[in-house]
């Protein structure tokens, strides 16, 4: 049987690092996880197999690995009610709805590109700071976490801890 081709840009370690963070930070407080813009589903696969969560990819591109559940759809924050945790690991255009989900559910967001605010140019640190301002203005407690994988886009915001 041929193995499925897995292509990954960036530090492949990021999937294991984020999955371990979720397990250590949320443990059994969460079960159902939305892996927003999760691409092939590498993070969901680890969350499901190693940590026994039920994680599914929500991504309109629809090129998941075999055995990884998912929806071929754009993510909107009103989908959050179906999950215990919303995760956006480099979710590109989906960063705003991932963060807006913190109004109703815990999130882990590791932003990459500035699809947060098209009116200003934001680097990695400024992007995280701007998202933190949004969370604070909505009285949402959060923690900023430097994830242990090659970055510069390795800074996460986590809520519901």
Protein backbone atom coordinates (compact mmCIF):
# COMPACT_ATOMS: atom_id res chain seq x y z
CA UNK A 1 0.00 0.00 0.00
CA UNK A 2 1.44 3.40 -0.99
CA UNK A 3 1.73 6.07 1.69
CA UNK A 4 -0.12 9.30 1.12
CA UNK A 5 2.10 12.22 0.03
CA UNK A 6 2.31 14.90 2.72
CA UNK A 7 3.59 18.30 1.68
CA UNK A 8 4.23 20.89 4.31
CA UNK A 9 5.72 24.38 4.15
CA UNK A 10 7.43 25.77 7.23
CA UNK A 11 8.44 23.97 10.38
CA UNK A 12 6.65 20.61 10.51
CA UNK A 13 7.27 20.59 14.26
CA UNK A 14 4.53 23.24 14.67
CA UNK A 15 1.73 20.69 14.50
CA UNK A 16 3.14 18.61 17.37
CA UNK A 17 3.94 21.72 19.41
CA UNK A 18 0.44 23.20 19.06
CA UNK A 19 -1.24 19.84 19.73
CA UNK A 20 0.81 19.34 22.89
CA UNK A 21 0.00 22.90 24.03
CA UNK A 22 -3.72 22.21 23.54
CA UNK A 23 -3.48 18.98 25.52
CA UNK A 24 -1.50 20.56 28.36
CA UNK A 25 -3.58 23.76 28.50
CA UNK A 26 -7.10 22.37 28.01
CA UNK A 27 -6.81 18.65 28.80
CA UNK A 28 -10.23 17.09 29.19
CA UNK A 29 -12.02 20.47 29.30
CA UNK A 30 -12.41 20.17 25.51
CA UNK A 31 -13.33 17.30 23.23
CA UNK A 32 -14.58 18.69 19.91
CA UNK A 33 -12.09 20.91 18.11
CA UNK A 34 -12.39 22.98 14.94
CA UNK A 35 -9.08 23.12 13.05
CA UNK A 36 -9.78 26.24 10.99
CA UNK A 37 -8.00 26.54 7.64
CA UNK A 38 -6.26 23.32 8.64
CA UNK A 39 -5.26 22.32 5.11
CA UNK A 40 -4.31 18.66 4.94
CA UNK A 41 -5.29 18.10 8.55
CA UNK A 42 -1.89 17.38 10.06
CA UNK A 43 -2.83 19.10 13.33
CA UNK A 44 -6.21 17.36 13.48
CA UNK A 45 -4.59 13.99 12.85
CA UNK A 46 -2.26 14.47 15.84
CA UNK A 47 -5.06 15.79 18.06
CA UNK A 48 -7.23 12.78 17.17
CA UNK A 49 -4.69 9.97 17.25
CA UNK A 50 -2.28 11.06 19.97
CA UNK A 51 -4.58 12.99 22.32
CA UNK A 52 -7.96 11.35 21.61
CA UNK A 53 -9.79 14.57 20.72
CA UNK A 54 -12.37 14.80 17.97
CA UNK A 55 -10.89 17.43 15.69
CA UNK A 56 -12.06 18.27 12.21
CA UNK A 57 -10.67 20.57 9.56
CA UNK A 58 -12.80 23.43 8.28
CA UNK A 59 -11.17 24.55 5.04
CA UNK A 60 -12.70 25.41 1.66
CA UNK A 61 -9.78 23.88 -0.25
CA UNK A 62 -10.75 20.30 0.61
CA UNK A 63 -7.43 18.49 0.29
CA UNK A 64 -7.33 16.63 3.60
CA UNK A 65 -5.40 13.47 4.28
CA UNK A 66 -7.35 10.22 4.26
CA UNK A 67 -8.98 9.56 7.61
CA UNK A 68 -9.12 13.22 8.67
CA UNK A 69 -12.65 14.51 9.10
CA UNK A 70 -13.57 17.92 7.81
CA UNK A 71 -15.88 20.33 6.06
CA UNK A 72 -15.12 22.00 2.76
CA UNK A 73 -16.31 25.41 3.88
CA UNK A 74 -15.20 28.87 4.84
CA UNK A 75 -15.21 29.25 8.60
CA UNK A 76 -17.52 31.79 10.21
CA UNK A 77 -17.62 32.60 13.90
CA UNK A 78 -21.22 31.38 14.21
CA UNK A 79 -19.88 27.84 13.64
CA UNK A 80 -18.08 28.06 17.01
CA UNK A 81 -21.12 26.88 18.96
CA UNK A 82 -20.60 23.34 17.62
CA UNK A 83 -17.11 23.00 19.13
CA UNK A 84 -15.38 23.16 22.50
CA UNK A 85 -12.24 24.82 21.09
CA UNK A 86 -11.46 26.76 17.93
CA UNK A 87 -7.90 26.53 16.61
CA UNK A 88 -6.36 28.67 13.90
CA UNK A 89 -2.77 27.67 13.20
CA UNK A 90 -1.73 30.14 10.48
CA UNK A 91 -5.34 30.49 9.29
CA UNK A 92 -4.67 33.35 6.82
CA UNK A 93 -8.00 34.97 5.84
CA UNK A 94 -9.84 33.12 8.62
CA UNK A 95 -7.97 34.86 11.46
CA UNK A 96 -10.76 37.36 12.16
CA UNK A 97 -13.56 34.77 12.49
CA UNK A 98 -11.28 32.55 14.60
CA UNK A 99 -10.61 35.42 17.01
CA UNK A 100 -14.26 36.53 16.98
CA UNK A 101 -15.13 33.00 18.10
CA UNK A 102 -13.51 33.87 21.45
CA UNK A 103 -16.72 35.74 22.23
CA UNK A 104 -18.39 32.33 22.74
CA UNK A 105 -15.66 29.64 22.85
CA UNK A 106 -12.03 29.23 23.82
CA UNK A 107 -9.57 29.75 20.99
CA UNK A 108 -5.95 29.15 20.14
CA UNK A 109 -4.86 31.48 17.35
CA UNK A 110 -1.40 31.55 15.79
CA UNK A 111 -1.71 34.33 13.23
CA UNK A 112 0.57 34.60 10.24
CA UNK A 113 -0.37 37.08 7.54
CA UNK A 114 -2.17 40.31 8.30
CA UNK A 115 -5.69 39.44 7.26
CA UNK A 116 -6.83 41.02 10.51
CA UNK A 117 -6.87 44.66 9.43
CA UNK A 118 -6.35 45.64 5.80
CA UNK A 119 -6.15 49.34 6.73
CA UNK A 120 -2.73 49.02 8.33
CA UNK A 121 0.50 47.15 7.76
CA UNK A 122 1.10 44.85 10.74
CA UNK A 123 4.15 42.69 11.29
CA UNK A 124 3.96 39.52 13.39
CA UNK A 125 4.29 41.21 16.79
CA UNK A 126 2.02 44.15 15.92
CA UNK A 127 -0.58 41.73 14.57
CA UNK A 128 -0.65 39.81 17.85
CA UNK A 129 -0.81 43.09 19.80
CA UNK A 130 -3.78 44.29 17.72
CA UNK A 131 -5.63 41.00 18.24
CA UNK A 132 -4.87 41.23 21.98
CA UNK A 133 -6.45 44.72 22.02
CA UNK A 134 -9.58 43.24 20.44
CA UNK A 135 -9.76 40.51 23.07
CA UNK A 136 -9.19 43.00 25.89
CA UNK A 137 -11.84 45.38 24.55
CA UNK A 138 -14.31 42.48 24.70
CA UNK A 139 -13.27 41.52 28.26
CA UNK A 140 -11.80 38.22 27.12
CA UNK A 141 -8.89 36.95 29.17
CA UNK A 142 -6.04 35.64 27.06
CA UNK A 143 -2.49 34.47 27.28
CA UNK A 144 0.25 35.17 24.74
CA UNK A 145 2.42 32.10 24.20
CA UNK A 146 5.66 31.78 22.27
CA UNK A 147 5.40 28.38 20.62
CA UNK A 148 8.57 26.30 20.40
CA UNK A 149 8.86 25.99 16.63
CA UNK A 150 10.79 27.96 14.04
CA UNK A 151 9.11 31.28 13.42
CA UNK A 152 8.79 34.35 13.23
CA UNK A 153 5.11 33.41 13.13
CA UNK A 154 5.08 31.32 16.28
CA UNK A 155 3.27 33.60 18.72
CA UNK A 156 -0.13 32.33 19.86
CA UNK A 157 -3.05 33.85 21.70
CA UNK A 158 -5.07 31.44 23.83
CA UNK A 159 -8.33 32.05 25.69
CA UNK A 160 -10.39 29.98 28.09
CA UNK A 161 -7.39 28.71 30.02
